[in-house]
Amino acid sequence: MVFRFVQYGNTEYPKEITPELIELAGHLDKDRIEDVPKYSLHTEYSYGKRNLSSDLVRQFPALCDANKDGVPQLWKTTEWAEQFAGFVIKLTESHAAPSVVEIHPPFNDYCDIDQFLDRYRVFEQIIHKTYPDTEIVVENRAGAVYRGGRFIVGKGKEIALLCSRIQETGADLGVVLDFPQLVTAEHLKTDCFDADKYLAAIDTIVPYQNVVKGIHIWGKKQAENGRWVAHCGTLDTYFPNKVDRDIFIEGIRKVCSDGRARLFVPEVNSGEEDLKAVVSAVIE
């Protein structure tokens, strides 16, 4: 496996790894970003409500209007896509061009995959007119406080369908595959892991390795009240059974075994030791 490592937050990688990019938050409630030479802009992912009142976002009324109970409705219309491109450019214009712009899928109560790709093309044309060398990728998603629909790209078959449509339409778009969110979307529980179902989901994606441009990886751990806390702990706290953990990692290797260099984003919020453990488990 070959990776282009992305710095996530301020937590350091193992000393033998030098990150190529820094991930910067570009959510809809942001009005400025840090000034760094090479970065990946992580745009709005619509997990929860946003305060859409900054002077920046108010310049783009379609972005402010497209929400349900405060949760942004991504890719709501063609106008939304146009204004989203404007927002990204305005947020980054006084800095180096983003090396990567990471976007996220819409909900299925107002948009399907073909509508998303139609609207995406409008966004991509505007972005690449200003930033011709910027790579654009979309992350699979599962879980939000949104009510009325779910993300259109979550399960293995939905990721595969998106990849297929990207190939068929020639869209200039890659996929960043978040493996824990795939587990969630497939309704898999790690304390009684259905390895066959997980590997079947992976097998639907493997034929589209060329579209998968990166991965997100992180762990979970249980709080004292028994609730699972995302982006904390390691893969060992996420998978109580080491055999299941190894099968999970096998799925990553199946997707990333073709020698292509992919973005690697370790989304670990619980400290340096946990991040190093997650990274080492995958790349060892």
Protein backbone atom coordinates (compact mmCIF):
# COMPACT_ATOMS: atom_id res chain seq x y z
CA MET A 1 0.00 0.00 0.00
CA VAL A 2 1.24 3.45 -0.91
CA PHE A 3 -0.06 6.49 0.98
CA ARG A 4 0.12 10.29 0.86
CA PHE A 5 -0.16 11.09 4.56
CA VAL A 6 -2.37 13.97 5.67
CA GLN A 7 -1.88 15.73 9.00
CA TYR A 8 -5.11 15.59 11.00
CA GLY A 9 -5.34 18.17 13.76
CA ASN A 10 -2.18 18.75 15.80
CA THR A 11 -1.52 15.11 16.65
CA GLU A 12 1.78 13.86 15.30
CA TYR A 13 2.39 10.75 13.21
CA PRO A 14 5.00 8.15 14.11
CA LYS A 15 8.42 9.79 13.68
CA GLU A 16 9.23 7.86 10.49
CA ILE A 17 6.26 9.43 8.65
CA THR A 18 6.27 12.96 7.25
CA PRO A 19 2.82 14.23 6.23
CA GLU A 20 2.48 15.67 2.74
CA LEU A 21 -0.61 17.79 3.46
CA ILE A 22 -2.41 19.39 6.39
CA GLU A 23 -6.18 18.98 6.67
CA LEU A 24 -7.99 22.28 7.19
CA ALA A 25 -11.65 22.65 8.13
CA GLY A 26 -13.70 24.48 5.49
CA HIS A 27 -17.18 23.96 6.92
CA LEU A 28 -19.99 26.40 6.18
CA ASP A 29 -19.56 28.16 9.52
CA LYS A 30 -15.90 28.94 8.81
CA ASP A 31 -14.89 32.38 7.58
CA ARG A 32 -11.10 31.92 7.55
CA ILE A 33 -8.47 29.19 7.34
CA GLU A 34 -4.90 28.83 8.51
CA ASP A 35 -2.20 29.92 6.08
CA VAL A 36 -0.24 26.79 5.14
CA PRO A 37 1.49 25.92 1.85
CA LYS A 38 -0.08 22.51 1.12
CA TYR A 39 -3.45 21.50 2.47
CA SER A 40 -6.59 19.46 2.00
CA LEU A 41 -9.78 21.47 2.57
CA HIS A 42 -12.37 19.39 4.39
CA THR A 43 -15.69 21.00 3.50
CA GLU A 44 -19.15 20.76 5.08
CA TYR A 45 -20.16 17.21 6.02
CA SER A 46 -23.63 17.85 7.50
CA TYR A 47 -23.42 15.79 10.65
CA GLY A 48 -25.28 18.40 12.69
CA LYS A 49 -26.58 21.95 12.79
CA ARG A 50 -24.48 24.88 11.60
CA ASN A 51 -24.67 28.55 12.47
CA LEU A 52 -24.97 30.02 8.97
CA SER A 53 -24.62 33.66 9.96
CA SER A 54 -21.03 34.69 9.14
CA ASP A 55 -20.43 37.59 6.77
CA LEU A 56 -18.83 35.10 4.38
CA VAL A 57 -21.61 32.54 4.11
CA ARG A 58 -24.29 35.24 3.98
CA GLN A 59 -22.85 36.22 0.59
CA PHE A 60 -24.25 32.88 -0.66
CA PRO A 61 -27.96 32.79 0.17
CA ALA A 62 -28.57 29.41 -1.50
CA LEU A 63 -26.21 27.84 1.05
CA CYS A 64 -28.00 29.52 3.95
CA ASP A 65 -31.47 28.62 2.70
CA ALA A 66 -30.68 24.94 2.04
CA ASN A 67 -31.04 23.47 5.50
CA LYS A 68 -33.51 21.41 7.50
CA ASP A 69 -33.71 22.32 11.17
CA GLY A 70 -30.28 23.86 10.83
CA VAL A 71 -28.55 20.87 9.19
CA PRO A 72 -27.09 21.87 5.79
CA GLN A 73 -28.68 20.15 2.78
CA LEU A 74 -25.71 19.61 0.50
CA TRP A 75 -26.15 19.71 -3.28
CA LYS A 76 -29.77 20.87 -2.96
CA THR A 77 -29.86 22.60 -6.38
CA THR A 78 -27.63 23.68 -9.24
CA GLU A 79 -27.59 27.16 -7.73
CA TRP A 80 -26.38 25.63 -4.46
CA ALA A 81 -23.47 23.98 -6.33
CA GLU A 82 -22.54 27.28 -7.97
CA GLN A 83 -22.59 29.15 -4.68
CA PHE A 84 -20.73 26.39 -2.86
CA ALA A 85 -17.90 26.75 -5.36
CA GLY A 86 -17.99 30.50 -4.73
CA PHE A 87 -17.79 29.89 -0.98
CA VAL A 88 -14.77 27.58 -1.31
CA ILE A 89 -12.95 30.05 -3.55
CA LYS A 90 -13.71 33.01 -1.29
CA LEU A 91 -12.56 31.08 1.79
CA THR A 92 -9.23 30.13 0.19
CA GLU A 93 -8.49 33.02 -2.18
CA SER A 94 -5.90 34.75 0.00
CA HIS A 95 -3.98 31.51 0.51
CA ALA A 96 -2.23 28.90 -1.59
CA ALA A 97 -4.59 26.90 -3.80
CA PRO A 98 -5.91 23.82 -1.99
CA SER A 99 -4.16 20.64 -3.08
CA VAL A 100 -7.34 18.70 -2.31
CA VAL A 101 -10.96 19.71 -1.77
CA GLU A 102 -12.96 17.04 0.03
CA ILE A 103 -16.73 17.16 -0.39
CA HIS A 104 -19.57 15.04 0.99
CA PRO A 105 -22.74 13.50 -0.43
CA PRO A 106 -26.31 14.83 -0.11
CA PHE A 107 -29.31 13.23 1.59
CA ASN A 108 -31.64 11.00 -0.38
CA ASP A 109 -34.89 12.88 0.35
CA TYR A 110 -34.02 15.48 -2.29
CA CYS A 111 -31.12 14.14 -4.39
CA ASP A 112 -29.94 10.89 -6.01
CA ILE A 113 -26.51 9.94 -7.37
CA ASP A 114 -27.15 11.17 -10.93
CA GLN A 115 -28.54 14.50 -9.70
CA PHE A 116 -25.55 14.83 -7.39
CA LEU A 117 -23.10 14.27 -10.25
CA ASP A 118 -24.97 16.73 -12.48
CA ARG A 119 -24.73 19.40 -9.77
CA TYR A 120 -21.16 18.41 -8.92
CA ARG A 121 -20.02 19.09 -12.48
CA VAL A 122 -21.14 22.70 -12.14
CA PHE A 123 -19.11 22.97 -8.93
CA GLU A 124 -16.07 21.28 -10.46
CA GLN A 125 -16.01 23.54 -13.52
CA ILE A 126 -15.98 26.66 -11.35
CA ILE A 127 -13.34 25.31 -8.95
CA HIS A 128 -11.04 24.17 -11.74
CA LYS A 129 -11.34 27.46 -13.56
CA THR A 130 -9.71 29.08 -10.51
CA TYR A 131 -7.69 26.12 -9.21
CA PRO A 132 -6.98 23.86 -12.23
CA ASP A 133 -4.67 21.50 -10.33
CA THR A 134 -6.85 20.93 -7.26
CA GLU A 135 -7.95 17.34 -6.73
CA ILE A 136 -11.59 16.91 -5.68
CA VAL A 137 -12.74 13.87 -3.72
CA VAL A 138 -15.98 12.81 -2.04
CA GLU A 139 -16.23 10.84 1.21
CA ASN A 140 -18.82 8.17 1.95
CA ARG A 141 -20.99 9.15 4.94
CA ALA A 142 -23.14 7.50 7.58
CA GLY A 143 -24.82 9.09 10.56
CA ALA A 144 -26.28 12.55 11.13
CA VAL A 145 -28.90 14.31 13.22
CA TYR A 146 -30.75 15.03 9.96
CA ARG A 147 -34.32 13.74 9.81
CA GLY A 148 -36.17 12.76 6.64
CA GLY A 149 -33.42 11.12 4.64
CA ARG A 150 -29.99 9.51 4.79
CA PHE A 151 -26.77 10.04 2.87
CA ILE A 152 -26.91 8.67 -0.67
CA VAL A 153 -23.37 7.21 -0.47
CA GLY A 154 -22.84 5.04 2.59
CA LYS A 155 -23.14 1.31 1.93
CA GLY A 156 -20.75 -0.67 -0.23
CA LYS A 157 -23.22 -0.99 -3.10
CA GLU A 158 -23.83 2.79 -3.04
CA ILE A 159 -20.10 3.51 -3.09
CA ALA A 160 -19.72 1.09 -6.00
CA LEU A 161 -22.62 2.70 -7.86
CA LEU A 162 -21.10 6.15 -7.42
CA CYS A 163 -17.73 4.89 -8.66
CA SER A 164 -19.42 3.27 -11.64
CA ARG A 165 -21.26 6.47 -12.54
CA ILE A 166 -18.04 8.50 -12.14
CA GLN A 167 -16.38 6.20 -14.67
CA GLU A 168 -19.33 6.27 -17.05
CA THR A 169 -19.76 10.05 -17.00
CA GLY A 170 -16.07 10.93 -16.90
CA ALA A 171 -16.58 13.12 -13.84
CA ASP A 172 -13.33 14.54 -12.46
CA LEU A 173 -13.98 13.19 -8.98
CA GLY A 174 -12.39 10.61 -6.73
CA VAL A 175 -13.67 8.78 -3.67
CA VAL A 176 -12.09 8.88 -0.22
CA LEU A 177 -13.23 5.70 1.48
CA ASP A 178 -13.96 6.07 5.19
CA PHE A 179 -13.80 2.49 6.46
CA PRO A 180 -15.45 2.97 9.89
CA GLN A 181 -18.34 4.83 8.25
CA LEU A 182 -18.73 1.94 5.81
CA VAL A 183 -19.01 -0.38 8.83
CA THR A 184 -21.70 1.89 10.31
CA ALA A 185 -23.63 2.16 7.03
CA GLU A 186 -23.65 -1.62 6.67
CA HIS A 187 -25.11 -1.90 10.21
CA LEU A 188 -22.17 -3.99 11.36
CA LYS A 189 -21.37 -4.25 15.05
CA THR A 190 -17.73 -4.74 15.92
CA ASP A 191 -18.37 -6.63 19.15
CA CYS A 192 -20.16 -9.36 17.11
CA PHE A 193 -18.60 -8.67 13.72
CA ASP A 194 -20.14 -10.16 10.58
CA ALA A 195 -16.93 -10.62 8.63
CA ASP A 196 -18.65 -12.13 5.58
CA LYS A 197 -20.96 -9.13 5.21
CA TYR A 198 -18.05 -6.72 5.60
CA LEU A 199 -15.88 -8.49 3.03
CA ALA A 200 -18.85 -8.72 0.63
CA ALA A 201 -19.19 -4.92 0.85
CA ILE A 202 -15.45 -4.55 0.21
CA ASP A 203 -15.69 -6.87 -2.80
CA THR A 204 -18.28 -4.59 -4.41
CA ILE A 205 -15.80 -1.70 -4.19
CA VAL A 206 -12.58 -3.44 -5.25
CA PRO A 207 -13.41 -3.35 -9.01
CA TYR A 208 -13.35 0.46 -8.74
CA GLN A 209 -9.94 0.79 -7.06
CA ASN A 210 -8.92 3.37 -9.64
CA VAL A 211 -11.64 5.73 -8.40
CA VAL A 212 -10.66 5.36 -4.73
CA LYS A 213 -8.13 8.15 -4.16
CA GLY A 214 -7.75 7.90 -0.39
CA ILE A 215 -8.91 6.46 2.90
CA HIS A 216 -10.05 7.70 6.29
CA ILE A 217 -9.32 5.52 9.29
CA TRP A 218 -10.05 5.90 13.01
CA GLY A 219 -11.11 3.92 16.03
CA LYS A 220 -13.88 3.87 18.59
CA LYS A 221 -13.96 3.12 22.29
CA GLN A 222 -16.69 2.66 24.84
CA ALA A 223 -17.31 5.30 27.47
CA GLU A 224 -18.11 4.34 31.07
CA ASN A 225 -21.83 4.43 30.24
CA GLY A 226 -21.29 1.91 27.45
CA ARG A 227 -21.77 4.39 24.60
CA TRP A 228 -19.38 4.07 21.68
CA VAL A 229 -17.32 7.24 21.11
CA ALA A 230 -16.22 7.78 17.51
CA HIS A 231 -12.75 9.03 16.55
CA CYS A 232 -11.35 7.93 19.91
CA GLY A 233 -9.28 4.96 20.95
CA THR A 234 -7.64 2.52 18.56
CA LEU A 235 -8.63 -0.34 16.30
CA ASP A 236 -8.11 -2.64 19.28
CA THR A 237 -10.73 -0.78 21.33
CA TYR A 238 -12.99 -0.67 18.24
CA PHE A 239 -12.69 -4.42 17.62
CA PRO A 240 -12.57 -6.41 20.88
CA ASN A 241 -11.66 -9.55 18.92
CA LYS A 242 -8.22 -9.34 17.25
CA VAL A 243 -9.33 -11.71 14.47
CA ASP A 244 -12.13 -9.27 13.56
CA ARG A 245 -9.69 -6.35 13.68
CA ASP A 246 -7.38 -8.16 11.28
CA ILE A 247 -10.27 -8.87 8.89
CA PHE A 248 -11.20 -5.17 8.98
CA ILE A 249 -7.61 -4.26 8.05
CA GLU A 250 -7.63 -6.98 5.36
CA GLY A 251 -10.50 -5.07 3.73
CA ILE A 252 -8.38 -1.91 3.64
CA ARG A 253 -5.53 -3.81 2.06
CA LYS A 254 -7.79 -5.37 -0.59
CA VAL A 255 -8.86 -1.91 -1.75
CA CYS A 256 -5.39 -0.36 -1.52
CA SER A 257 -3.24 -3.20 -2.85
CA ASP A 258 -2.78 -1.97 -6.42
CA GLY A 259 0.24 0.29 -5.88
CA ARG A 260 -1.62 3.59 -6.40
CA ALA A 261 -0.67 6.39 -4.01
CA ARG A 262 -3.71 7.32 -1.89
CA LEU A 263 -4.49 10.00 0.66
CA PHE A 264 -4.35 8.67 4.22
CA VAL A 265 -6.28 10.62 6.86
CA PRO A 266 -6.18 9.26 10.45
CA GLU A 267 -9.17 10.96 12.09
CA VAL A 268 -8.19 10.28 15.70
CA ASN A 269 -9.13 12.82 18.37
CA SER A 270 -7.95 10.99 21.50
CA GLY A 271 -4.25 11.76 21.44
CA GLU A 272 -0.92 10.99 19.89
CA GLU A 273 -0.54 7.44 21.20
CA ASP A 274 -3.95 6.40 19.83
CA LEU A 275 -3.23 7.98 16.46
CA LYS A 276 0.12 6.23 16.22
CA ALA A 277 -1.50 2.92 17.14
CA VAL A 278 -4.18 3.30 14.45
CA VAL A 279 -1.63 4.27 11.79
CA SER A 280 0.75 1.46 12.73
CA ALA A 281 -2.02 -1.15 12.68
CA VAL A 282 -2.88 -0.29 9.07
CA ILE A 283 0.59 0.19 7.56
CA GLU A 284 2.59 -2.43 9.47
